Amino acid sequence: MIRALLIITAEHLASARALATVPPFSLSEAEAQQMFVPAGSPTGDAPATHFWASGAFDDATWQALQDLAAALPWAEAHQYDLETQPAYPYNLLATLGLQPMKPPPMP
């Protein structure tokens, strides 16, 4: 399995979720809604400017994610090793000039 991260810009969230429901991914609409979560913004405050999906993927799915990201200027696919690069997702945000989303204030 390949550990990978797909990052997208917020304005394309609906398109990314729609693409997740068709082959080769074929997620249900509910699964696609949960797949992409807020990742970051320039300040770390809402609203998120970027969303991401992270997981372990088989070779075929990873190839499909890479092909998709290569065809879409608003998506990036990154492979990393969770054991040796645990901070990779947050380092990636920093290279994009983003900060992780801050937790919402306590009521």
C-alpha atoms as a PDB file:
ATOM      1  CA  MET A   1       0.000   0.000   0.000  1.00  0.00           C
ATOM      2  CA  ILE A   2       1.102   3.525  -0.765  1.00  0.00           C
ATOM      3  CA  ARG A   3       0.548   6.348   1.717  1.00  0.00           C
ATOM      4  CA  ALA A   4      -0.542   9.385  -0.239  1.00  0.00           C
ATOM      5  CA  LEU A   5      -2.041  12.807   0.122  1.00  0.00           C
ATOM      6  CA  LEU A   6      -4.242  14.586  -2.397  1.00  0.00           C
ATOM      7  CA  ILE A   7      -4.569  18.326  -1.871  1.00  0.00           C
ATOM      8  CA  ILE A   8      -7.047  20.557  -3.692  1.00  0.00           C
ATOM      9  CA  THR A   9      -8.064  24.194  -3.641  1.00  0.00           C
ATOM     10  CA  ALA A  10     -11.337  25.001  -1.911  1.00  0.00           C
ATOM     11  CA  GLU A  11     -13.072  26.344  -4.999  1.00  0.00           C
ATOM     12  CA  HIS A  12     -12.803  22.892  -6.592  1.00  0.00           C
ATOM     13  CA  LEU A  13     -14.080  20.879  -3.624  1.00  0.00           C
ATOM     14  CA  ALA A  14     -17.408  20.036  -5.287  1.00  0.00           C
ATOM     15  CA  SER A  15     -15.645  18.885  -8.475  1.00  0.00           C
ATOM     16  CA  ALA A  16     -13.205  16.711  -6.514  1.00  0.00           C
ATOM     17  CA  ARG A  17     -16.029  15.096  -4.584  1.00  0.00           C
ATOM     18  CA  ALA A  18     -17.923  14.443  -7.822  1.00  0.00           C
ATOM     19  CA  LEU A  19     -14.839  12.854  -9.412  1.00  0.00           C
ATOM     20  CA  ALA A  20     -14.483  10.593  -6.374  1.00  0.00           C
ATOM     21  CA  THR A  21     -17.878   9.007  -7.154  1.00  0.00           C
ATOM     22  CA  VAL A  22     -16.953   7.784 -10.649  1.00  0.00           C
ATOM     23  CA  PRO A  23     -14.596   4.970 -11.714  1.00  0.00           C
ATOM     24  CA  PRO A  24     -11.937   4.116 -10.881  1.00  0.00           C
ATOM     25  CA  PHE A  25     -12.703   5.500  -7.383  1.00  0.00           C
ATOM     26  CA  SER A  26     -16.462   4.821  -7.268  1.00  0.00           C
ATOM     27  CA  LEU A  27     -17.064   6.115  -3.757  1.00  0.00           C
ATOM     28  CA  SER A  28     -20.588   6.651  -2.538  1.00  0.00           C
ATOM     29  CA  GLU A  29     -21.690  10.286  -2.289  1.00  0.00           C
ATOM     30  CA  ALA A  30     -21.470  10.038   1.512  1.00  0.00           C
ATOM     31  CA  GLU A  31     -17.917   8.663   1.310  1.00  0.00           C
ATOM     32  CA  ALA A  32     -16.913  11.399  -1.141  1.00  0.00           C
ATOM     33  CA  GLN A  33     -18.303  14.047   1.230  1.00  0.00           C
ATOM     34  CA  GLN A  34     -16.125  12.689   4.046  1.00  0.00           C
ATOM     35  CA  MET A  35     -13.020  12.119   1.936  1.00  0.00           C
ATOM     36  CA  PHE A  36     -11.803  15.712   1.653  1.00  0.00           C
ATOM     37  CA  VAL A  37     -11.329  17.618   4.899  1.00  0.00           C
ATOM     38  CA  PRO A  38     -10.187  21.195   5.575  1.00  0.00           C
ATOM     39  CA  ALA A  39      -6.383  21.331   5.477  1.00  0.00           C
ATOM     40  CA  GLY A  40      -5.214  24.916   5.716  1.00  0.00           C
ATOM     41  CA  SER A  41      -5.413  28.592   4.924  1.00  0.00           C
ATOM     42  CA  PRO A  42      -2.839  31.400   4.928  1.00  0.00           C
ATOM     43  CA  THR A  43      -3.582  32.157   8.600  1.00  0.00           C
ATOM     44  CA  GLY A  44      -4.956  28.836   9.804  1.00  0.00           C
ATOM     45  CA  ASP A  45      -8.318  30.527  10.348  1.00  0.00           C
ATOM     46  CA  ALA A  46     -11.540  29.527   8.586  1.00  0.00           C
ATOM     47  CA  PRO A  47     -12.452  29.331   5.835  1.00  0.00           C
ATOM     48  CA  ALA A  48     -10.028  26.724   4.530  1.00  0.00           C
ATOM     49  CA  THR A  49      -8.443  27.580   1.200  1.00  0.00           C
ATOM     50  CA  HIS A  50      -7.207  24.017   0.679  1.00  0.00           C
ATOM     51  CA  PHE A  51      -8.657  20.602   1.442  1.00  0.00           C
ATOM     52  CA  TRP A  52      -6.963  17.223   1.512  1.00  0.00           C
ATOM     53  CA  ALA A  53      -7.557  13.510   1.485  1.00  0.00           C
ATOM     54  CA  SER A  54      -4.989  11.161   2.926  1.00  0.00           C
ATOM     55  CA  GLY A  55      -4.847   7.420   3.029  1.00  0.00           C
ATOM     56  CA  ALA A  56      -3.197   4.174   2.040  1.00  0.00           C
ATOM     57  CA  PHE A  57      -3.905   3.246  -1.571  1.00  0.00           C
ATOM     58  CA  ASP A  58      -3.188   0.228  -3.735  1.00  0.00           C
ATOM     59  CA  ASP A  59      -0.958   0.685  -6.784  1.00  0.00           C
ATOM     60  CA  ALA A  60      -3.842   1.069  -9.253  1.00  0.00           C
ATOM     61  CA  THR A  61      -5.649   3.680  -7.172  1.00  0.00           C
ATOM     62  CA  TRP A  62      -2.420   5.617  -6.557  1.00  0.00           C
ATOM     63  CA  GLN A  63      -1.740   5.645 -10.304  1.00  0.00           C
ATOM     64  CA  ALA A  64      -5.281   6.892 -10.949  1.00  0.00           C
ATOM     65  CA  LEU A  65      -4.818   9.658  -8.353  1.00  0.00           C
ATOM     66  CA  GLN A  66      -1.538  10.712  -9.965  1.00  0.00           C
ATOM     67  CA  ASP A  67      -3.104  10.730 -13.426  1.00  0.00           C
ATOM     68  CA  LEU A  68      -6.046  12.756 -12.183  1.00  0.00           C
ATOM     69  CA  ALA A  69      -3.867  15.302 -10.381  1.00  0.00           C
ATOM     70  CA  ALA A  70      -1.646  15.670 -13.450  1.00  0.00           C
ATOM     71  CA  ALA A  71      -4.717  16.572 -15.516  1.00  0.00           C
ATOM     72  CA  LEU A  72      -6.121  19.079 -13.004  1.00  0.00           C
ATOM     73  CA  PRO A  73      -4.247  22.315 -12.258  1.00  0.00           C
ATOM     74  CA  TRP A  74      -6.019  22.586  -8.899  1.00  0.00           C
ATOM     75  CA  ALA A  75      -4.989  19.193  -7.495  1.00  0.00           C
ATOM     76  CA  GLU A  76      -1.686  17.759  -6.279  1.00  0.00           C
ATOM     77  CA  ALA A  77      -0.894  14.140  -5.402  1.00  0.00           C
ATOM     78  CA  HIS A  78       1.986  13.383  -3.041  1.00  0.00           C
ATOM     79  CA  GLN A  79       3.396  10.088  -1.824  1.00  0.00           C
ATOM     80  CA  TYR A  80       5.115   9.881   1.557  1.00  0.00           C
ATOM     81  CA  ASP A  81       6.181   7.441   4.264  1.00  0.00           C
ATOM     82  CA  LEU A  82       4.167   7.934   7.438  1.00  0.00           C
ATOM     83  CA  GLU A  83       6.834   6.243   9.580  1.00  0.00           C
ATOM     84  CA  THR A  84       9.802   8.306   8.361  1.00  0.00           C
ATOM     85  CA  GLN A  85       7.916  11.479   7.336  1.00  0.00           C
ATOM     86  CA  PRO A  86       5.104  11.882   9.894  1.00  0.00           C
ATOM     87  CA  ALA A  87       5.099  15.679   9.536  1.00  0.00           C
ATOM     88  CA  TYR A  88       5.004  15.577   5.718  1.00  0.00           C
ATOM     89  CA  PRO A  89       1.415  16.845   5.343  1.00  0.00           C
ATOM     90  CA  TYR A  90       2.121  19.873   7.541  1.00  0.00           C
ATOM     91  CA  ASN A  91       5.473  20.534   5.875  1.00  0.00           C
ATOM     92  CA  LEU A  92       3.667  20.482   2.532  1.00  0.00           C
ATOM     93  CA  LEU A  93       1.215  23.102   3.789  1.00  0.00           C
ATOM     94  CA  ALA A  94       4.137  25.289   4.870  1.00  0.00           C
ATOM     95  CA  THR A  95       5.727  25.062   1.393  1.00  0.00           C
ATOM     96  CA  LEU A  96       2.398  26.260  -0.025  1.00  0.00           C
ATOM     97  CA  GLY A  97       2.392  29.253   2.334  1.00  0.00           C
ATOM     98  CA  LEU A  98      -0.425  27.758   4.400  1.00  0.00           C
ATOM     99  CA  GLN A  99      -0.985  26.987   8.049  1.00  0.00           C
ATOM    100  CA  PRO A 100      -3.021  24.060   9.362  1.00  0.00           C
ATOM    101  CA  MET A 101      -6.589  24.900  10.276  1.00  0.00           C
ATOM    102  CA  LYS A 102      -6.948  26.039  13.875  1.00  0.00           C
ATOM    103  CA  PRO A 103      -9.504  24.200  15.964  1.00  0.00           C
ATOM    104  CA  PRO A 104     -12.783  26.069  16.396  1.00  0.00           C
ATOM    105  CA  PRO A 105     -13.064  28.104  19.611  1.00  0.00           C
ATOM    106  CA  MET A 106     -14.542  26.357  22.616  1.00  0.00           C
ATOM    107  CA  PRO A 107     -18.126  27.429  23.398  1.00  0.00           C
END
